[in-house]
PDB file of N, CA and C in Angstrom:
ATOM      1  N   MET A   1      17.141 -11.287  -6.888  1.00  0.00           N
ATOM      2  CA  MET A   1      16.008 -11.665  -7.359  1.00  0.00           C
ATOM      3  C   MET A   1      16.109 -12.267  -8.812  1.00  0.00           C
ATOM      4  N   ASP A   2      15.362 -13.437  -9.100  1.00  0.00           N
ATOM      5  CA  ASP A   2      15.624 -13.998 -10.445  1.00  0.00           C
ATOM      6  C   ASP A   2      14.880 -13.178 -11.474  1.00  0.00           C
ATOM      7  N   VAL A   3      15.176 -13.597 -12.665  1.00  0.00           N
ATOM      8  CA  VAL A   3      14.591 -12.870 -13.828  1.00  0.00           C
ATOM      9  C   VAL A   3      13.137 -12.936 -13.890  1.00  0.00           C
ATOM     10  N   TYR A   4      12.589 -14.125 -13.508  1.00  0.00           N
ATOM     11  CA  TYR A   4      11.033 -14.299 -13.518  1.00  0.00           C
ATOM     12  C   TYR A   4      10.469 -13.440 -12.544  1.00  0.00           C
ATOM     13  N   GLY A   5      10.989 -13.365 -11.319  1.00  0.00           N
ATOM     14  CA  GLY A   5      10.446 -12.587 -10.231  1.00  0.00           C
ATOM     15  C   GLY A   5      10.452 -11.099 -10.650  1.00  0.00           C
ATOM     16  N   GLN A   6      11.584 -10.679 -11.269  1.00  0.00           N
ATOM     17  CA  GLN A   6      11.785  -9.291 -11.693  1.00  0.00           C
ATOM     18  C   GLN A   6      10.735  -8.894 -12.696  1.00  0.00           C
ATOM     19  N   THR A   7      10.480  -9.820 -13.686  1.00  0.00           N
ATOM     20  CA  THR A   7       9.504  -9.519 -14.661  1.00  0.00           C
ATOM     21  C   THR A   7       8.117  -9.400 -14.127  1.00  0.00           C
ATOM     22  N   LEU A   8       7.845 -10.302 -13.146  1.00  0.00           N
ATOM     23  CA  LEU A   8       6.448 -10.375 -12.465  1.00  0.00           C
ATOM     24  C   LEU A   8       6.260  -9.016 -11.822  1.00  0.00           C
ATOM     25  N   THR A   9       7.394  -8.533 -11.108  1.00  0.00           N
ATOM     26  CA  THR A   9       7.290  -7.347 -10.373  1.00  0.00           C
ATOM     27  C   THR A   9       7.044  -6.154 -11.164  1.00  0.00           C
ATOM     28  N   ASN A  10       7.770  -6.008 -12.317  1.00  0.00           N
ATOM     29  CA  ASN A  10       7.602  -4.968 -13.272  1.00  0.00           C
ATOM     30  C   ASN A  10       6.237  -4.945 -13.851  1.00  0.00           C
ATOM     31  N   ALA A  11       5.620  -6.112 -14.118  1.00  0.00           N
ATOM     32  CA  ALA A  11       4.299  -6.262 -14.768  1.00  0.00           C
ATOM     33  C   ALA A  11       3.345  -5.742 -13.753  1.00  0.00           C
ATOM     34  N   THR A  12       3.499  -6.081 -12.479  1.00  0.00           N
ATOM     35  CA  THR A  12       2.484  -5.597 -11.468  1.00  0.00           C
ATOM     36  C   THR A  12       2.675  -4.031 -11.308  1.00  0.00           C
ATOM     37  N   LEU A  13       3.869  -3.492 -11.262  1.00  0.00           N
ATOM     38  CA  LEU A  13       4.022  -2.077 -11.199  1.00  0.00           C
ATOM     39  C   LEU A  13       3.404  -1.362 -12.395  1.00  0.00           C
ATOM     40  N   ASN A  14       3.629  -1.913 -13.580  1.00  0.00           N
ATOM     41  CA  ASN A  14       3.071  -1.313 -14.806  1.00  0.00           C
ATOM     42  C   ASN A  14       1.494  -1.317 -14.735  1.00  0.00           C
ATOM     43  N   LYS A  15       0.881  -2.416 -14.206  1.00  0.00           N
ATOM     44  CA  LYS A  15      -0.501  -2.477 -14.078  1.00  0.00           C
ATOM     45  C   LYS A  15      -1.078  -1.424 -13.126  1.00  0.00           C
ATOM     46  N   ASN A  16      -0.291  -1.308 -12.044  1.00  0.00           N
ATOM     47  CA  ASN A  16      -0.736  -0.354 -10.928  1.00  0.00           C
ATOM     48  C   ASN A  16      -0.632   1.074 -11.554  1.00  0.00           C
ATOM     49  N   VAL A  17       0.371   1.339 -12.306  1.00  0.00           N
ATOM     50  CA  VAL A  17       0.474   2.679 -12.898  1.00  0.00           C
ATOM     51  C   VAL A  17      -0.618   2.995 -13.913  1.00  0.00           C
ATOM     52  N   THR A  18      -0.965   1.914 -14.699  1.00  0.00           N
ATOM     53  CA  THR A  18      -2.022   2.090 -15.739  1.00  0.00           C
ATOM     54  C   THR A  18      -3.388   2.419 -14.969  1.00  0.00           C
ATOM     55  N   LEU A  19      -3.637   1.610 -14.001  1.00  0.00           N
ATOM     56  CA  LEU A  19      -4.956   1.886 -13.131  1.00  0.00           C
ATOM     57  C   LEU A  19      -4.978   3.286 -12.627  1.00  0.00           C
ATOM     58  N   PHE A  20      -3.808   3.732 -12.098  1.00  0.00           N
ATOM     59  CA  PHE A  20      -3.753   4.981 -11.479  1.00  0.00           C
ATOM     60  C   PHE A  20      -3.969   5.996 -12.542  1.00  0.00           C
ATOM     61  N   ASN A  21      -3.402   5.948 -13.812  1.00  0.00           N
ATOM     62  CA  ASN A  21      -3.552   6.788 -14.890  1.00  0.00           C
ATOM     63  C   ASN A  21      -5.083   6.862 -15.248  1.00  0.00           C
ATOM     64  N   LEU A  22      -5.754   5.712 -15.268  1.00  0.00           N
ATOM     65  CA  LEU A  22      -7.138   5.675 -15.733  1.00  0.00           C
ATOM     66  C   LEU A  22      -7.959   6.392 -14.725  1.00  0.00           C
ATOM     67  N   LEU A  23      -7.645   6.231 -13.355  1.00  0.00           N
ATOM     68  CA  LEU A  23      -8.363   6.900 -12.233  1.00  0.00           C
ATOM     69  C   LEU A  23      -8.213   8.455 -12.406  1.00  0.00           C
ATOM     70  N   GLU A  24      -6.930   8.869 -12.773  1.00  0.00           N
ATOM     71  CA  GLU A  24      -6.745  10.247 -12.881  1.00  0.00           C
ATOM     72  C   GLU A  24      -7.569  10.864 -14.047  1.00  0.00           C
ATOM     73  N   MET A  25      -7.587  10.194 -15.178  1.00  0.00           N
ATOM     74  CA  MET A  25      -8.342  10.648 -16.370  1.00  0.00           C
ATOM     75  C   MET A  25      -9.831  10.761 -15.943  1.00  0.00           C
ATOM     76  N   ILE A  26     -10.408   9.700 -15.260  1.00  0.00           N
ATOM     77  CA  ILE A  26     -11.743   9.744 -14.770  1.00  0.00           C
ATOM     78  C   ILE A  26     -12.040  10.984 -13.865  1.00  0.00           C
ATOM     79  N   PHE A  27     -11.156  11.184 -12.963  1.00  0.00           N
ATOM     80  CA  PHE A  27     -11.409  12.333 -12.047  1.00  0.00           C
ATOM     81  C   PHE A  27     -11.280  13.632 -12.740  1.00  0.00           C
ATOM     82  N   GLU A  28     -10.420  13.691 -13.857  1.00  0.00           N
ATOM     83  CA  GLU A  28     -10.301  14.978 -14.606  1.00  0.00           C
ATOM     84  C   GLU A  28     -11.636  15.222 -15.383  1.00  0.00           C
ATOM     85  N   ILE A  29     -12.294  14.192 -15.854  1.00  0.00           N
ATOM     86  CA  ILE A  29     -13.580  14.289 -16.612  1.00  0.00           C
ATOM     87  C   ILE A  29     -14.617  14.828 -15.673  1.00  0.00           C
ATOM     88  N   ILE A  30     -14.644  14.327 -14.457  1.00  0.00           N
ATOM     89  CA  ILE A  30     -15.754  14.841 -13.490  1.00  0.00           C
ATOM     90  C   ILE A  30     -15.571  16.294 -13.190  1.00  0.00           C
TER      91      ILE A  30
END
């Protein structure tokens, strides 16, 4: 995989992790 593809994949994974963490915090508040 080229560098651009790898960077794009990492960015997507990081975005998914961030969304998951936000959902976790929301559920902890409830």
